[in-house]
Structures are given as C-alpha cells and as structure tokens.
C-alpha cells in the first residue's frame, strides 16, 4: 500500500494549515454528533517510542470538547504481567 504513495506531492504550508483547520472543525462536529447519539468510539494509537504518538493525540484533541473524550495510556507490561495471557 505505501509503495503506491506519491512522495513527490507537496502542499504549500498555508494551504496545509487551512486544510488541517477545516478537518479539525469537522472532527469537532463528529465528536458532537457521536456524543449526542451516545455512540462509543475508540481510537487506538500504536507505535515505537518517540514516534510522535503523543504529539498527534494532542493535535487531534486540542479543539475537541474535553468532556467528550478520555485519553488512556498503557505502559510496557511489567515482568509479572508478561507471564499472563494478553488481556488477562
């Protein structure tokens, strides 16, 4: 799939900021819609340490209503947890 991505494409910085702002507004609208309908939503981030997960989560949530979401963080399993089945 990634081999089909055209890495030569670029978006001017101003256009990129406008596009991001529009998408953030849309994300807020979607948050309100799912909140009003009491629909549960789970968004999961997984990646290497220092991959930027926290930065992306902060950017995604900065315009959202904080009453409508929770951010939960998990840590690497401890020694005794590694001896148990996953999701024990």
PDB file of N, CA and C in Angstrom:
ATOM      1  N   UNK A   1       0.813  -1.182   0.000  1.00  0.00           N
ATOM      2  CA  UNK A   1       0.000   0.000   0.000  1.00  0.00           C
ATOM      3  C   UNK A   1       0.868   1.262   0.000  1.00  0.00           C
ATOM      4  N   UNK A   2       1.867   1.333   0.867  1.00  0.00           N
ATOM      5  CA  UNK A   2       2.695   2.534   0.926  1.00  0.00           C
ATOM      6  C   UNK A   2       3.543   2.730  -0.326  1.00  0.00           C
ATOM      7  N   UNK A   3       3.801   1.656  -1.056  1.00  0.00           N
ATOM      8  CA  UNK A   3       4.576   1.810  -2.285  1.00  0.00           C
ATOM      9  C   UNK A   3       3.790   2.571  -3.355  1.00  0.00           C
ATOM     10  N   UNK A   4       2.491   2.751  -3.158  1.00  0.00           N
ATOM     11  CA  UNK A   4       1.656   3.496  -4.098  1.00  0.00           C
ATOM     12  C   UNK A   4       1.552   4.979  -3.741  1.00  0.00           C
ATOM     13  N   UNK A   5       2.133   5.391  -2.623  1.00  0.00           N
ATOM     14  CA  UNK A   5       2.064   6.787  -2.193  1.00  0.00           C
ATOM     15  C   UNK A   5       3.047   7.618  -3.007  1.00  0.00           C
ATOM     16  N   UNK A   6       2.554   8.705  -3.581  1.00  0.00           N
ATOM     17  CA  UNK A   6       3.400   9.598  -4.368  1.00  0.00           C
ATOM     18  C   UNK A   6       4.062  10.603  -3.431  1.00  0.00           C
ATOM     19  N   UNK A   7       5.314  10.370  -3.098  1.00  0.00           N
ATOM     20  CA  UNK A   7       6.036  11.231  -2.169  1.00  0.00           C
ATOM     21  C   UNK A   7       6.514  12.534  -2.803  1.00  0.00           C
ATOM     22  N   UNK A   8       6.317  12.679  -4.118  1.00  0.00           N
ATOM     23  CA  UNK A   8       6.726  13.925  -4.767  1.00  0.00           C
ATOM     24  C   UNK A   8       5.666  15.019  -4.607  1.00  0.00           C
ATOM     25  N   UNK A   9       4.469  14.655  -4.162  1.00  0.00           N
ATOM     26  CA  UNK A   9       3.412  15.644  -3.987  1.00  0.00           C
ATOM     27  C   UNK A   9       3.701  16.518  -2.776  1.00  0.00           C
ATOM     28  N   UNK A  10       3.340  17.771  -2.886  1.00  0.00           N
ATOM     29  CA  UNK A  10       3.550  18.709  -1.781  1.00  0.00           C
ATOM     30  C   UNK A  10       2.367  19.663  -1.719  1.00  0.00           C
ATOM     31  N   UNK A  11       2.138  20.189  -0.549  1.00  0.00           N
ATOM     32  CA  UNK A  11       1.072  21.162  -0.330  1.00  0.00           C
ATOM     33  C   UNK A  11       1.716  22.386   0.306  1.00  0.00           C
ATOM     34  N   UNK A  12       1.477  23.567  -0.258  1.00  0.00           N
ATOM     35  CA  UNK A  12       2.052  24.765   0.366  1.00  0.00           C
ATOM     36  C   UNK A  12       1.613  24.871   1.827  1.00  0.00           C
ATOM     37  N   UNK A  13       2.495  25.422   2.664  1.00  0.00           N
ATOM     38  CA  UNK A  13       2.247  25.472   4.105  1.00  0.00           C
ATOM     39  C   UNK A  13       0.909  26.136   4.440  1.00  0.00           C
ATOM     40  N   UNK A  14       0.598  27.234   3.782  1.00  0.00           N
ATOM     41  CA  UNK A  14      -0.661  27.935   4.064  1.00  0.00           C
ATOM     42  C   UNK A  14      -1.866  27.056   3.724  1.00  0.00           C
ATOM     43  N   UNK A  15      -1.819  26.391   2.588  1.00  0.00           N
ATOM     44  CA  UNK A  15      -2.918  25.508   2.185  1.00  0.00           C
ATOM     45  C   UNK A  15      -3.042  24.332   3.147  1.00  0.00           C
ATOM     46  N   UNK A  16      -1.906  23.825   3.605  1.00  0.00           N
ATOM     47  CA  UNK A  16      -1.925  22.709   4.555  1.00  0.00           C
ATOM     48  C   UNK A  16      -2.568  23.141   5.865  1.00  0.00           C
ATOM     49  N   UNK A  17      -2.224  24.327   6.351  1.00  0.00           N
ATOM     50  CA  UNK A  17      -2.810  24.821   7.604  1.00  0.00           C
ATOM     51  C   UNK A  17      -4.316  25.016   7.466  1.00  0.00           C
ATOM     52  N   UNK A  18      -4.756  25.515   6.313  1.00  0.00           N
ATOM     53  CA  UNK A  18      -6.189  25.696   6.079  1.00  0.00           C
ATOM     54  C   UNK A  18      -6.904  24.350   6.032  1.00  0.00           C
ATOM     55  N   UNK A  19      -6.296  23.383   5.366  1.00  0.00           N
ATOM     56  CA  UNK A  19      -6.901  22.050   5.272  1.00  0.00           C
ATOM     57  C   UNK A  19      -6.985  21.392   6.648  1.00  0.00           C
ATOM     58  N   UNK A  20      -5.936  21.534   7.435  1.00  0.00           N
ATOM     59  CA  UNK A  20      -5.935  20.954   8.785  1.00  0.00           C
ATOM     60  C   UNK A  20      -7.007  21.620   9.639  1.00  0.00           C
ATOM     61  N   UNK A  21      -7.119  22.944   9.559  1.00  0.00           N
ATOM     62  CA  UNK A  21      -8.134  23.657  10.343  1.00  0.00           C
ATOM     63  C   UNK A  21      -9.538  23.189   9.965  1.00  0.00           C
ATOM     64  N   UNK A  22      -9.785  23.007   8.679  1.00  0.00           N
ATOM     65  CA  UNK A  22     -11.102  22.536   8.233  1.00  0.00           C
ATOM     66  C   UNK A  22     -11.382  21.134   8.752  1.00  0.00           C
ATOM     67  N   UNK A  23     -10.376  20.274   8.728  1.00  0.00           N
ATOM     68  CA  UNK A  23     -10.568  18.908   9.218  1.00  0.00           C
ATOM     69  C   UNK A  23     -10.756  18.883  10.732  1.00  0.00           C
ATOM     70  N   UNK A  24     -10.089  19.771  11.444  1.00  0.00           N
ATOM     71  CA  UNK A  24     -10.274  19.842  12.896  1.00  0.00           C
ATOM     72  C   UNK A  24     -11.689  20.304  13.229  1.00  0.00           C
ATOM     73  N   UNK A  25     -12.215  21.250  12.451  1.00  0.00           N
ATOM     74  CA  UNK A  25     -13.604  21.676  12.646  1.00  0.00           C
ATOM     75  C   UNK A  25     -14.550  20.505  12.395  1.00  0.00           C
ATOM     76  N   UNK A  26     -14.269  19.743  11.360  1.00  0.00           N
ATOM     77  CA  UNK A  26     -15.099  18.573  11.043  1.00  0.00           C
ATOM     78  C   UNK A  26     -15.009  17.534  12.158  1.00  0.00           C
ATOM     79  N   UNK A  27     -13.828  17.336  12.708  1.00  0.00           N
ATOM     80  CA  UNK A  27     -13.658  16.386  13.806  1.00  0.00           C
ATOM     81  C   UNK A  27     -14.486  16.812  15.017  1.00  0.00           C
ATOM     82  N   UNK A  28     -14.522  18.108  15.293  1.00  0.00           N
ATOM     83  CA  UNK A  28     -15.343  18.608  16.398  1.00  0.00           C
ATOM     84  C   UNK A  28     -16.823  18.318  16.131  1.00  0.00           C
ATOM     85  N   UNK A  29     -17.277  18.558  14.907  1.00  0.00           N
ATOM     86  CA  UNK A  29     -18.674  18.271  14.559  1.00  0.00           C
ATOM     87  C   UNK A  29     -18.987  16.789  14.752  1.00  0.00           C
ATOM     88  N   UNK A  30     -18.074  15.942  14.337  1.00  0.00           N
ATOM     89  CA  UNK A  30     -18.272  14.496  14.507  1.00  0.00           C
ATOM     90  C   UNK A  30     -18.302  14.120  15.980  1.00  0.00           C
ATOM     91  N   UNK A  31     -17.435  14.738  16.781  1.00  0.00           N
ATOM     92  CA  UNK A  31     -17.449  14.453  18.216  1.00  0.00           C
ATOM     93  C   UNK A  31     -18.802  14.799  18.813  1.00  0.00           C
ATOM     94  N   UNK A  32     -19.338  15.951  18.467  1.00  0.00           N
ATOM     95  CA  UNK A  32     -20.649  16.352  18.987  1.00  0.00           C
ATOM     96  C   UNK A  32     -21.728  15.372  18.534  1.00  0.00           C
ATOM     97  N   UNK A  33     -21.671  14.939  17.285  1.00  0.00           N
ATOM     98  CA  UNK A  33     -22.690  14.025  16.764  1.00  0.00           C
ATOM     99  C   UNK A  33     -22.663  12.685  17.496  1.00  0.00           C
ATOM    100  N   UNK A  34     -21.482  12.110  17.688  1.00  0.00           N
ATOM    101  CA  UNK A  34     -21.423  10.813  18.374  1.00  0.00           C
ATOM    102  C   UNK A  34     -21.747  10.972  19.854  1.00  0.00           C
ATOM    103  N   UNK A  35     -21.386  12.102  20.450  1.00  0.00           N
ATOM    104  CA  UNK A  35     -21.720  12.352  21.853  1.00  0.00           C
ATOM    105  C   UNK A  35     -23.235  12.454  22.024  1.00  0.00           C
ATOM    106  N   UNK A  36     -23.887  13.212  21.147  1.00  0.00           N
ATOM    107  CA  UNK A  36     -25.341  13.379  21.222  1.00  0.00           C
ATOM    108  C   UNK A  36     -26.075  12.058  21.030  1.00  0.00           C
ATOM    109  N   UNK A  37     -25.514  11.180  20.205  1.00  0.00           N
ATOM    110  CA  UNK A  37     -26.146   9.882  19.935  1.00  0.00           C
ATOM    111  C   UNK A  37     -25.680   8.788  20.896  1.00  0.00           C
ATOM    112  N   UNK A  38     -24.797   9.164  21.819  1.00  0.00           N
ATOM    113  CA  UNK A  38     -24.242   8.225  22.800  1.00  0.00           C
ATOM    114  C   UNK A  38     -23.579   7.014  22.124  1.00  0.00           C
ATOM    115  N   UNK A  39     -22.847   7.287  21.064  1.00  0.00           N
ATOM    116  CA  UNK A  39     -22.127   6.237  20.346  1.00  0.00           C
ATOM    117  C   UNK A  39     -20.702   6.144  20.877  1.00  0.00           C
ATOM    118  N   UNK A  40     -20.268   4.964  21.270  1.00  0.00           N
ATOM    119  CA  UNK A  40     -18.889   4.830  21.731  1.00  0.00           C
ATOM    120  C   UNK A  40     -17.915   4.812  20.549  1.00  0.00           C
ATOM    121  N   UNK A  41     -16.799   5.441  20.727  1.00  0.00           N
ATOM    122  CA  UNK A  41     -15.750   5.471  19.706  1.00  0.00           C
ATOM    123  C   UNK A  41     -14.424   5.181  20.392  1.00  0.00           C
ATOM    124  N   UNK A  42     -13.633   4.314  19.793  1.00  0.00           N
ATOM    125  CA  UNK A  42     -12.296   4.021  20.304  1.00  0.00           C
ATOM    126  C   UNK A  42     -11.303   4.326  19.191  1.00  0.00           C
ATOM    127  N   UNK A  43     -10.306   5.109  19.510  1.00  0.00           N
ATOM    128  CA  UNK A  43      -9.211   5.382  18.581  1.00  0.00           C
ATOM    129  C   UNK A  43      -7.947   4.874  19.248  1.00  0.00           C
ATOM    130  N   UNK A  44      -7.238   4.009  18.575  1.00  0.00           N
ATOM    131  CA  UNK A  44      -6.062   3.364  19.148  1.00  0.00           C
ATOM    132  C   UNK A  44      -4.814   3.808  18.400  1.00  0.00           C
ATOM    133  N   UNK A  45      -3.799   4.197  19.139  1.00  0.00           N
ATOM    134  CA  UNK A  45      -2.505   4.542  18.558  1.00  0.00           C
ATOM    135  C   UNK A  45      -1.484   3.530  19.034  1.00  0.00           C
ATOM    136  N   UNK A  46      -0.691   3.047  18.111  1.00  0.00           N
ATOM    137  CA  UNK A  46       0.383   2.126  18.454  1.00  0.00           C
ATOM    138  C   UNK A  46       1.609   2.540  17.655  1.00  0.00           C
ATOM    139  N   UNK A  47       2.754   2.465  18.263  1.00  0.00           N
ATOM    140  CA  UNK A  47       3.965   2.815  17.542  1.00  0.00           C
ATOM    141  C   UNK A  47       5.184   2.749  18.435  1.00  0.00           C
ATOM    142  N   UNK A  48       6.330   2.913  17.810  1.00  0.00           N
ATOM    143  CA  UNK A  48       7.597   2.893  18.523  1.00  0.00           C
ATOM    144  C   UNK A  48       7.670   4.060  19.492  1.00  0.00           C
ATOM    145  N   UNK A  49       8.528   3.926  20.495  1.00  0.00           N
ATOM    146  CA  UNK A  49       8.805   5.050  21.386  1.00  0.00           C
ATOM    147  C   UNK A  49       9.328   6.219  20.556  1.00  0.00           C
ATOM    148  N   UNK A  50       8.924   7.417  20.929  1.00  0.00           N
ATOM    149  CA  UNK A  50       9.362   8.651  20.271  1.00  0.00           C
ATOM    150  C   UNK A  50       8.921   8.739  18.811  1.00  0.00           C
ATOM    151  N   UNK A  51       7.830   8.046  18.460  1.00  0.00           N
ATOM    152  CA  UNK A  51       7.325   8.089  17.088  1.00  0.00           C
ATOM    153  C   UNK A  51       6.390   9.273  16.857  1.00  0.00           C
ATOM    154  N   UNK A  52       6.023   9.978  17.922  1.00  0.00           N
ATOM    155  CA  UNK A  52       5.157  11.134  17.777  1.00  0.00           C
ATOM    156  C   UNK A  52       3.697  10.877  18.099  1.00  0.00           C
ATOM    157  N   UNK A  53       3.409   9.749  18.741  1.00  0.00           N
ATOM    158  CA  UNK A  53       2.014   9.425  19.080  1.00  0.00           C
ATOM    159  C   UNK A  53       1.402  10.503  19.969  1.00  0.00           C
ATOM    160  N   UNK A  54       2.120  10.920  20.989  1.00  0.00           N
ATOM    161  CA  UNK A  54       1.605  11.935  21.907  1.00  0.00           C
ATOM    162  C   UNK A  54       1.348  13.263  21.218  1.00  0.00           C
ATOM    163  N   UNK A  55       2.229  13.635  20.313  1.00  0.00           N
ATOM    164  CA  UNK A  55       2.066  14.878  19.570  1.00  0.00           C
ATOM    165  C   UNK A  55       0.809  14.833  18.716  1.00  0.00           C
ATOM    166  N   UNK A  56       0.584  13.715  18.053  1.00  0.00           N
ATOM    167  CA  UNK A  56      -0.604  13.570  17.210  1.00  0.00           C
ATOM    168  C   UNK A  56      -1.871  13.581  18.062  1.00  0.00           C
ATOM    169  N   UNK A  57      -1.841  12.895  19.194  1.00  0.00           N
ATOM    170  CA  UNK A  57      -3.013  12.863  20.079  1.00  0.00           C
ATOM    171  C   UNK A  57      -3.322  14.269  20.588  1.00  0.00           C
ATOM    172  N   UNK A  58      -2.303  15.009  20.986  1.00  0.00           N
ATOM    173  CA  UNK A  58      -2.518  16.397  21.431  1.00  0.00           C
ATOM    174  C   UNK A  58      -3.113  17.243  20.310  1.00  0.00           C
ATOM    175  N   UNK A  59      -2.594  17.098  19.104  1.00  0.00           N
ATOM    176  CA  UNK A  59      -3.102  17.877  17.969  1.00  0.00           C
ATOM    177  C   UNK A  59      -4.556  17.518  17.661  1.00  0.00           C
ATOM    178  N   UNK A  60      -4.879  16.232  17.733  1.00  0.00           N
ATOM    179  CA  UNK A  60      -6.250  15.801  17.445  1.00  0.00           C
ATOM    180  C   UNK A  60      -7.243  16.271  18.495  1.00  0.00           C
ATOM    181  N   UNK A  61      -6.812  16.364  19.726  1.00  0.00           N
ATOM    182  CA  UNK A  61      -7.751  16.672  20.804  1.00  0.00           C
ATOM    183  C   UNK A  61      -7.790  18.150  21.190  1.00  0.00           C
ATOM    184  N   UNK A  62      -6.908  18.967  20.639  1.00  0.00           N
ATOM    185  CA  UNK A  62      -6.830  20.354  21.103  1.00  0.00           C
ATOM    186  C   UNK A  62      -8.103  21.153  20.843  1.00  0.00           C
ATOM    187  N   UNK A  63      -8.864  20.820  19.821  1.00  0.00           N
ATOM    188  CA  UNK A  63     -10.100  21.557  19.535  1.00  0.00           C
ATOM    189  C   UNK A  63     -11.357  20.798  19.953  1.00  0.00           C
ATOM    190  N   UNK A  64     -11.193  19.638  20.551  1.00  0.00           N
ATOM    191  CA  UNK A  64     -12.354  18.859  20.971  1.00  0.00           C
ATOM    192  C   UNK A  64     -12.848  19.315  22.336  1.00  0.00           C
ATOM    193  N   UNK A  65     -14.093  18.991  22.617  1.00  0.00           N
ATOM    194  CA  UNK A  65     -14.673  19.275  23.928  1.00  0.00           C
ATOM    195  C   UNK A  65     -14.127  18.239  24.898  1.00  0.00           C
ATOM    196  N   UNK A  66     -13.369  18.646  25.910  1.00  0.00           N
ATOM    197  CA  UNK A  66     -12.734  17.675  26.805  1.00  0.00           C
ATOM    198  C   UNK A  66     -13.728  16.847  27.616  1.00  0.00           C
ATOM    199  N   UNK A  67     -14.976  17.279  27.671  1.00  0.00           N
ATOM    200  CA  UNK A  67     -15.982  16.482  28.380  1.00  0.00           C
ATOM    201  C   UNK A  67     -16.409  15.268  27.566  1.00  0.00           C
ATOM    202  N   UNK A  68     -16.015  15.219  26.303  1.00  0.00           N
ATOM    203  CA  UNK A  68     -16.482  14.158  25.423  1.00  0.00           C
ATOM    204  C   UNK A  68     -15.459  13.105  25.072  1.00  0.00           C
ATOM    205  N   UNK A  69     -14.313  13.088  25.729  1.00  0.00           N
ATOM    206  CA  UNK A  69     -13.326  12.048  25.426  1.00  0.00           C
ATOM    207  C   UNK A  69     -12.416  11.820  26.624  1.00  0.00           C
ATOM    208  N   UNK A  70     -11.774  10.668  26.614  1.00  0.00           N
ATOM    209  CA  UNK A  70     -10.736  10.329  27.593  1.00  0.00           C
ATOM    210  C   UNK A  70      -9.525   9.841  26.816  1.00  0.00           C
ATOM    211  N   UNK A  71      -8.357  10.154  27.304  1.00  0.00           N
ATOM    212  CA  UNK A  71      -7.124   9.613  26.743  1.00  0.00           C
ATOM    213  C   UNK A  71      -6.543   8.682  27.793  1.00  0.00           C
ATOM    214  N   UNK A  72      -6.388   7.434  27.426  1.00  0.00           N
ATOM    215  CA  UNK A  72      -5.825   6.434  28.329  1.00  0.00           C
ATOM    216  C   UNK A  72      -4.490   5.978  27.767  1.00  0.00           C
ATOM    217  N   UNK A  73      -3.524   5.854  28.626  1.00  0.00           N
ATOM    218  CA  UNK A  73      -2.190   5.439  28.215  1.00  0.00           C
ATOM    219  C   UNK A  73      -1.856   4.102  28.860  1.00  0.00           C
ATOM    220  N   UNK A  74      -1.224   3.257  28.112  1.00  0.00           N
ATOM    221  CA  UNK A  74      -0.748   1.996  28.673  1.00  0.00           C
ATOM    222  C   UNK A  74       0.774   1.999  28.634  1.00  0.00           C
ATOM    223  N   UNK A  75       1.350   1.310  29.547  1.00  0.00           N
ATOM    224  CA  UNK A  75       2.803   1.209  29.633  1.00  0.00           C
ATOM    225  C   UNK A  75       3.226  -0.191  29.200  1.00  0.00           C
ATOM    226  N   UNK A  76       4.495  -0.359  29.025  1.00  0.00           N
ATOM    227  CA  UNK A  76       5.020  -1.690  28.720  1.00  0.00           C
ATOM    228  C   UNK A  76       4.665  -2.629  29.870  1.00  0.00           C
ATOM    229  N   UNK A  77       4.342  -3.875  29.565  1.00  0.00           N
ATOM    230  CA  UNK A  77       3.976  -4.808  30.637  1.00  0.00           C
ATOM    231  C   UNK A  77       5.142  -5.053  31.589  1.00  0.00           C
ATOM    232  N   UNK A  78       4.790  -5.163  32.872  1.00  0.00           N
ATOM    233  CA  UNK A  78       5.797  -5.481  33.881  1.00  0.00           C
ATOM    234  C   UNK A  78       6.105  -6.976  33.816  1.00  0.00           C
ATOM    235  N   UNK A  79       7.132  -7.397  34.506  1.00  0.00           N
ATOM    236  CA  UNK A  79       7.594  -8.783  34.441  1.00  0.00           C
ATOM    237  C   UNK A  79       6.480  -9.767  34.768  1.00  0.00           C
ATOM    238  N   UNK A  80       5.753  -9.543  35.858  1.00  0.00           N
ATOM    239  CA  UNK A  80       4.703 -10.497  36.222  1.00  0.00           C
ATOM    240  C   UNK A  80       3.537 -10.456  35.225  1.00  0.00           C
ATOM    241  N   UNK A  81       3.333  -9.321  34.557  1.00  0.00           N
ATOM    242  CA  UNK A  81       2.269  -9.235  33.553  1.00  0.00           C
ATOM    243  C   UNK A  81       2.647  -9.976  32.276  1.00  0.00           C
ATOM    244  N   UNK A  82       3.926 -10.021  31.969  1.00  0.00           N
ATOM    245  CA  UNK A  82       4.377 -10.724  30.770  1.00  0.00           C
ATOM    246  C   UNK A  82       4.134 -12.226  30.870  1.00  0.00           C
ATOM    247  N   UNK A  83       3.980 -12.723  32.086  1.00  0.00           N
ATOM    248  CA  UNK A  83       3.761 -14.154  32.283  1.00  0.00           C
ATOM    249  C   UNK A  83       2.287 -14.534  32.149  1.00  0.00           C
ATOM    250  N   UNK A  84       1.415 -13.558  31.987  1.00  0.00           N
ATOM    251  CA  UNK A  84      -0.025 -13.797  31.864  1.00  0.00           C
ATOM    252  C   UNK A  84      -0.441 -13.705  30.399  1.00  0.00           C
ATOM    253  N   UNK A  85      -1.581 -14.307  30.059  1.00  0.00           N
ATOM    254  CA  UNK A  85      -2.097 -14.145  28.693  1.00  0.00           C
ATOM    255  C   UNK A  85      -2.442 -12.681  28.420  1.00  0.00           C
ATOM    256  N   UNK A  86      -2.370 -12.283  27.165  1.00  0.00           N
ATOM    257  CA  UNK A  86      -2.696 -10.921  26.770  1.00  0.00           C
ATOM    258  C   UNK A  86      -4.144 -10.623  27.145  1.00  0.00           C
ATOM    259  N   UNK A  87      -4.430  -9.460  27.646  1.00  0.00           N
ATOM    260  CA  UNK A  87      -5.755  -9.009  28.098  1.00  0.00           C
ATOM    261  C   UNK A  87      -6.282  -9.810  29.272  1.00  0.00           C
ATOM    262  N   UNK A  88      -5.417 -10.319  30.136  1.00  0.00           N
ATOM    263  CA  UNK A  88      -5.875 -11.095  31.285  1.00  0.00           C
ATOM    264  C   UNK A  88      -6.583 -10.184  32.215  1.00  0.00           C
TER     265      UNK A  88
END
